[in-house]
């Protein structure tokens, strides 16, 4: 009896597997699988583009900040040197 149930299950599994891989059902599954794969590729491409865009904008912001900071630093040094020069000139005049 057990072997009869086992054989019946094997035949049922074989018929389901056959139905899913051939004919209209098989074609529909293949088409759905291809569409899912394409959607996955599109999603990966969109993710790559988004990450690239975010990194590009982040690097631009960092470079812009560094550039502004550098300009501020130069103008600060320039102002300090001007003040030192004024102090030295003033000190020399007073002597």
Protein backbone atom coordinates (compact mmCIF):
# COMPACT_ATOMS: atom_id res chain seq x y z
CA UNK A 1 0.00 0.00 0.00
CA UNK A 2 2.82 2.40 0.89
CA UNK A 3 4.56 1.74 -2.39
CA UNK A 4 1.29 2.38 -4.23
CA UNK A 5 0.94 5.78 -2.54
CA UNK A 6 4.56 6.55 -3.36
CA UNK A 7 4.04 5.69 -7.02
CA UNK A 8 0.88 7.77 -7.13
CA UNK A 9 2.74 10.76 -5.68
CA UNK A 10 5.56 10.33 -8.19
CA UNK A 11 3.08 10.27 -11.08
CA UNK A 12 1.23 13.32 -9.73
CA UNK A 13 4.50 15.25 -9.25
CA UNK A 14 5.62 14.24 -12.73
CA UNK A 15 2.37 15.42 -14.29
CA UNK A 16 2.53 18.75 -12.43
CA UNK A 17 6.16 19.21 -13.44
CA UNK A 18 5.28 18.37 -17.01
CA UNK A 19 2.31 20.77 -16.99
CA UNK A 20 4.43 23.59 -15.55
CA UNK A 21 7.29 23.20 -18.00
CA UNK A 22 5.42 22.54 -21.25
CA UNK A 23 2.41 23.98 -22.98
CA UNK A 24 0.59 27.21 -22.12
CA UNK A 25 1.50 27.08 -18.43
CA UNK A 26 5.16 26.55 -19.20
CA UNK A 27 5.16 29.40 -21.69
CA UNK A 28 3.44 31.71 -19.18
CA UNK A 29 5.94 30.80 -16.48
CA UNK A 30 8.86 31.38 -18.86
CA UNK A 31 7.45 34.76 -19.92
CA UNK A 32 6.86 35.77 -16.29
CA UNK A 33 10.36 34.68 -15.35
CA UNK A 34 11.84 36.71 -18.20
CA UNK A 35 9.80 39.77 -17.16
CA UNK A 36 10.90 39.39 -13.53
CA UNK A 37 14.53 39.12 -14.64
CA UNK A 38 14.14 42.26 -16.78
CA UNK A 39 12.50 44.16 -13.91
CA UNK A 40 15.37 43.08 -11.69
CA UNK A 41 17.92 44.36 -14.21
CA UNK A 42 16.02 47.66 -14.52
CA UNK A 43 15.90 48.01 -10.73
CA UNK A 44 19.64 47.37 -10.44
CA UNK A 45 20.38 49.90 -13.16
CA UNK A 46 18.17 52.50 -11.48
CA UNK A 47 19.83 51.82 -8.13
CA UNK A 48 23.30 52.15 -9.68
CA UNK A 49 22.31 55.44 -11.33
CA UNK A 50 20.83 56.78 -8.08
CA UNK A 51 23.91 55.85 -6.02
CA UNK A 52 26.21 57.33 -8.67
CA UNK A 53 24.18 60.55 -8.70
CA UNK A 54 24.18 60.78 -4.88
CA UNK A 55 27.95 60.19 -4.70
CA UNK A 56 28.60 62.71 -7.49
CA UNK A 57 26.50 65.37 -5.72
CA UNK A 58 28.11 64.57 -2.36
CA UNK A 59 31.61 64.89 -3.80
CA UNK A 60 30.62 68.15 -5.51
CA UNK A 61 29.30 69.49 -2.20
CA UNK A 62 32.48 68.45 -0.36
CA UNK A 63 34.68 70.01 -3.04
CA UNK A 64 32.57 73.16 -3.03
CA UNK A 65 32.86 73.36 0.76
CA UNK A 66 36.63 72.80 0.63
CA UNK A 67 36.94 75.47 -2.05
CA UNK A 68 34.93 77.99 0.00
CA UNK A 69 36.85 77.08 3.14
CA UNK A 70 40.15 77.52 1.31
CA UNK A 71 39.07 80.94 0.01
CA UNK A 72 38.04 81.94 3.54
CA UNK A 73 41.35 80.72 4.85
CA UNK A 74 43.29 82.74 2.27
CA UNK A 75 41.31 85.89 2.96
CA UNK A 76 41.83 85.38 6.70
CA UNK A 77 45.59 85.02 6.24
CA UNK A 78 45.60 88.04 3.96
CA UNK A 79 43.73 90.09 6.55
CA UNK A 80 46.09 88.97 9.33
CA UNK A 81 49.13 89.87 7.22
CA UNK A 82 47.65 93.26 6.43
CA UNK A 83 47.02 93.89 10.13
CA UNK A 84 50.55 92.78 11.02
CA UNK A 85 51.92 95.07 8.33
CA UNK A 86 49.87 97.98 9.68
CA UNK A 87 51.06 97.23 13.20
CA UNK A 88 54.68 97.07 12.08
CA UNK A 89 54.38 100.30 10.14
CA UNK A 90 52.64 101.94 13.06
CA UNK A 91 55.29 100.64 15.43
CA UNK A 92 58.11 101.88 13.16
CA UNK A 93 56.50 105.30 12.84
CA UNK A 94 56.17 105.61 16.61
CA UNK A 95 59.84 104.90 17.22
